[in-house]
C-alpha atoms as a PDB file:
ATOM      1  CA  UNK A   1     -31.634   4.768   8.575  1.00  0.00           C
ATOM      2  CA  UNK A   2     -29.883   1.851  10.324  1.00  0.00           C
ATOM      3  CA  UNK A   3     -26.164   1.184  10.168  1.00  0.00           C
ATOM      4  CA  UNK A   4     -25.470  -2.300  11.462  1.00  0.00           C
ATOM      5  CA  UNK A   5     -23.396  -4.731   9.474  1.00  0.00           C
ATOM      6  CA  UNK A   6     -20.709  -7.100  10.497  1.00  0.00           C
ATOM      7  CA  UNK A   7     -17.228  -6.184   9.315  1.00  0.00           C
ATOM      8  CA  UNK A   8     -16.902  -9.826   8.240  1.00  0.00           C
ATOM      9  CA  UNK A   9     -19.807  -9.588   5.822  1.00  0.00           C
ATOM     10  CA  UNK A  10     -18.246 -10.566   2.516  1.00  0.00           C
ATOM     11  CA  UNK A  11     -20.897  -8.759   0.521  1.00  0.00           C
ATOM     12  CA  UNK A  12     -19.922  -5.357   1.970  1.00  0.00           C
ATOM     13  CA  UNK A  13     -16.268  -6.073   1.428  1.00  0.00           C
ATOM     14  CA  UNK A  14     -16.936  -6.954  -2.242  1.00  0.00           C
ATOM     15  CA  UNK A  15     -18.918  -3.742  -2.701  1.00  0.00           C
ATOM     16  CA  UNK A  16     -16.159  -1.661  -1.237  1.00  0.00           C
ATOM     17  CA  UNK A  17     -13.477  -3.309  -3.420  1.00  0.00           C
ATOM     18  CA  UNK A  18     -15.684  -2.875  -6.543  1.00  0.00           C
ATOM     19  CA  UNK A  19     -16.718   0.744  -5.885  1.00  0.00           C
ATOM     20  CA  UNK A  20     -13.658   2.274  -4.261  1.00  0.00           C
ATOM     21  CA  UNK A  21     -11.169   4.290  -6.258  1.00  0.00           C
ATOM     22  CA  UNK A  22      -7.930   5.829  -5.021  1.00  0.00           C
ATOM     23  CA  UNK A  23      -8.744   9.289  -6.361  1.00  0.00           C
ATOM     24  CA  UNK A  24     -12.068   9.736  -4.495  1.00  0.00           C
ATOM     25  CA  UNK A  25     -12.657  10.602  -0.835  1.00  0.00           C
ATOM     26  CA  UNK A  26     -13.801   7.877   1.577  1.00  0.00           C
ATOM     27  CA  UNK A  27     -17.118   9.688   2.022  1.00  0.00           C
ATOM     28  CA  UNK A  28     -17.943   9.281  -1.659  1.00  0.00           C
ATOM     29  CA  UNK A  29     -17.062   5.589  -1.450  1.00  0.00           C
ATOM     30  CA  UNK A  30     -19.289   5.265   1.625  1.00  0.00           C
ATOM     31  CA  UNK A  31     -22.226   6.849  -0.182  1.00  0.00           C
ATOM     32  CA  UNK A  32     -21.775   4.617  -3.272  1.00  0.00           C
ATOM     33  CA  UNK A  33     -21.465   1.463  -1.095  1.00  0.00           C
ATOM     34  CA  UNK A  34     -24.490   2.481   0.975  1.00  0.00           C
ATOM     35  CA  UNK A  35     -26.634   3.091  -2.146  1.00  0.00           C
ATOM     36  CA  UNK A  36     -25.517  -0.270  -3.655  1.00  0.00           C
ATOM     37  CA  UNK A  37     -26.134  -2.063  -0.372  1.00  0.00           C
ATOM     38  CA  UNK A  38     -29.645  -0.678  -0.068  1.00  0.00           C
ATOM     39  CA  UNK A  39     -30.421  -1.687  -3.637  1.00  0.00           C
ATOM     40  CA  UNK A  40     -29.359  -5.236  -2.741  1.00  0.00           C
ATOM     41  CA  UNK A  41     -31.610  -5.216   0.283  1.00  0.00           C
ATOM     42  CA  UNK A  42     -28.752  -4.976   2.791  1.00  0.00           C
ATOM     43  CA  UNK A  43     -28.435  -2.532   5.676  1.00  0.00           C
ATOM     44  CA  UNK A  44     -26.350   0.500   4.866  1.00  0.00           C
ATOM     45  CA  UNK A  45     -22.846   0.053   6.326  1.00  0.00           C
ATOM     46  CA  UNK A  46     -21.505   2.669   8.681  1.00  0.00           C
ATOM     47  CA  UNK A  47     -18.883   5.196   7.576  1.00  0.00           C
ATOM     48  CA  UNK A  48     -16.175   3.801   9.861  1.00  0.00           C
ATOM     49  CA  UNK A  49     -16.605   0.246   8.458  1.00  0.00           C
ATOM     50  CA  UNK A  50     -16.414   1.464   4.844  1.00  0.00           C
ATOM     51  CA  UNK A  51     -13.442   3.659   5.587  1.00  0.00           C
ATOM     52  CA  UNK A  52     -11.483   0.799   7.167  1.00  0.00           C
ATOM     53  CA  UNK A  53     -12.341  -1.636   4.357  1.00  0.00           C
ATOM     54  CA  UNK A  54     -11.451   0.986   1.765  1.00  0.00           C
ATOM     55  CA  UNK A  55      -8.117   1.793   3.419  1.00  0.00           C
ATOM     56  CA  UNK A  56      -7.251  -1.923   3.458  1.00  0.00           C
ATOM     57  CA  UNK A  57      -8.249  -2.310  -0.168  1.00  0.00           C
ATOM     58  CA  UNK A  58      -6.170   0.723  -1.236  1.00  0.00           C
ATOM     59  CA  UNK A  59      -3.055  -0.530   0.573  1.00  0.00           C
ATOM     60  CA  UNK A  60      -3.463  -3.923  -0.981  1.00  0.00           C
ATOM     61  CA  UNK A  61      -3.933  -2.482  -4.468  1.00  0.00           C
ATOM     62  CA  UNK A  62      -0.781  -0.401  -4.017  1.00  0.00           C
ATOM     63  CA  UNK A  63       1.218  -3.389  -2.830  1.00  0.00           C
ATOM     64  CA  UNK A  64       0.095  -5.524  -5.766  1.00  0.00           C
ATOM     65  CA  UNK A  65       0.937  -2.706  -8.205  1.00  0.00           C
ATOM     66  CA  UNK A  66       4.428  -2.467  -6.719  1.00  0.00           C
ATOM     67  CA  UNK A  67       4.844  -6.214  -7.162  1.00  0.00           C
ATOM     68  CA  UNK A  68       3.763  -6.015 -10.816  1.00  0.00           C
ATOM     69  CA  UNK A  69       6.116  -3.118 -11.417  1.00  0.00           C
ATOM     70  CA  UNK A  70       9.004  -5.006  -9.844  1.00  0.00           C
ATOM     71  CA  UNK A  71       8.140  -8.062 -11.941  1.00  0.00           C
ATOM     72  CA  UNK A  72       8.264  -5.995 -15.159  1.00  0.00           C
ATOM     73  CA  UNK A  73      11.644  -4.555 -14.175  1.00  0.00           C
ATOM     74  CA  UNK A  74      13.020  -8.047 -13.471  1.00  0.00           C
ATOM     75  CA  UNK A  75      11.770  -9.351 -16.813  1.00  0.00           C
ATOM     76  CA  UNK A  76      13.343  -6.387 -18.589  1.00  0.00           C
ATOM     77  CA  UNK A  77      16.642  -6.958 -16.748  1.00  0.00           C
ATOM     78  CA  UNK A  78      16.924 -10.500 -18.088  1.00  0.00           C
ATOM     79  CA  UNK A  79      18.123  -9.149 -21.366  1.00  0.00           C
ATOM     80  CA  UNK A  80      20.630  -6.781 -19.777  1.00  0.00           C
ATOM     81  CA  UNK A  81      24.314  -7.588 -20.338  1.00  0.00           C
ATOM     82  CA  UNK A  82      25.028  -6.598 -16.714  1.00  0.00           C
ATOM     83  CA  UNK A  83      24.438  -9.241 -14.089  1.00  0.00           C
ATOM     84  CA  UNK A  84      23.957  -6.683 -11.320  1.00  0.00           C
ATOM     85  CA  UNK A  85      20.867  -5.311 -13.089  1.00  0.00           C
ATOM     86  CA  UNK A  86      19.213  -8.712 -12.866  1.00  0.00           C
ATOM     87  CA  UNK A  87      20.260  -9.222  -9.256  1.00  0.00           C
ATOM     88  CA  UNK A  88      18.973  -5.797  -8.232  1.00  0.00           C
ATOM     89  CA  UNK A  89      15.720  -6.311 -10.086  1.00  0.00           C
ATOM     90  CA  UNK A  90      15.248  -9.792  -8.575  1.00  0.00           C
ATOM     91  CA  UNK A  91      15.864  -8.355  -5.034  1.00  0.00           C
ATOM     92  CA  UNK A  92      13.264  -5.661  -5.691  1.00  0.00           C
ATOM     93  CA  UNK A  93      10.830  -8.286  -6.815  1.00  0.00           C
ATOM     94  CA  UNK A  94      11.375 -10.348  -3.698  1.00  0.00           C
ATOM     95  CA  UNK A  95      11.020  -7.246  -1.515  1.00  0.00           C
ATOM     96  CA  UNK A  96       7.807  -6.208  -3.250  1.00  0.00           C
ATOM     97  CA  UNK A  97       6.358  -9.680  -2.917  1.00  0.00           C
ATOM     98  CA  UNK A  98       7.241  -9.873   0.780  1.00  0.00           C
ATOM     99  CA  UNK A  99       5.604  -6.444   1.267  1.00  0.00           C
ATOM    100  CA  UNK A 100       2.455  -7.701  -0.450  1.00  0.00           C
ATOM    101  CA  UNK A 101       2.294 -10.794   1.780  1.00  0.00           C
ATOM    102  CA  UNK A 102       2.827  -8.561   4.859  1.00  0.00           C
ATOM    103  CA  UNK A 103      -0.107  -6.384   3.731  1.00  0.00           C
ATOM    104  CA  UNK A 104      -2.253  -9.390   3.189  1.00  0.00           C
ATOM    105  CA  UNK A 105      -1.415 -10.645   6.675  1.00  0.00           C
ATOM    106  CA  UNK A 106      -2.238  -7.311   8.232  1.00  0.00           C
ATOM    107  CA  UNK A 107      -5.603  -7.008   6.479  1.00  0.00           C
ATOM    108  CA  UNK A 108      -6.754 -10.610   6.324  1.00  0.00           C
ATOM    109  CA  UNK A 109      -9.302  -9.948   9.113  1.00  0.00           C
ATOM    110  CA  UNK A 110     -11.076  -7.664   6.570  1.00  0.00           C
ATOM    111  CA  UNK A 111     -10.762 -10.223   3.802  1.00  0.00           C
ATOM    112  CA  UNK A 112     -11.817 -13.304   5.776  1.00  0.00           C
ATOM    113  CA  UNK A 113      -9.356 -15.443   3.791  1.00  0.00           C
ATOM    114  CA  UNK A 114      -6.193 -17.406   4.493  1.00  0.00           C
ATOM    115  CA  UNK A 115      -3.056 -15.950   3.023  1.00  0.00           C
ATOM    116  CA  UNK A 116      -1.204 -18.154   0.527  1.00  0.00           C
ATOM    117  CA  UNK A 117       2.529 -18.309   1.092  1.00  0.00           C
ATOM    118  CA  UNK A 118       5.061 -18.823  -1.616  1.00  0.00           C
ATOM    119  CA  UNK A 119       5.464 -17.511  -5.220  1.00  0.00           C
END
């Protein structure tokens, strides 16, 4: 069994994103990605590659979930009679978005994409 794939191979990244779940160990994700890759005629990726890609995908999913949560809170604060609720919610939204951009910057070598700036 050969394990030789480039970390920049978009097909492996897509498989990891599609098959990885936060509640399963990295080894299970590695086995699922390896099986799917072999069915597609690709070489099976090594454990270390899948683990790094899965860690990056999990961190990005968590950052995006935080941004969505902050956005919901900000939208709910619009109807609040207290201005500080809206200001606090808006600040949380900005912080969550900045964190998401930071995560994208840190992991863009795995994604192979340019990070879009701005809302």
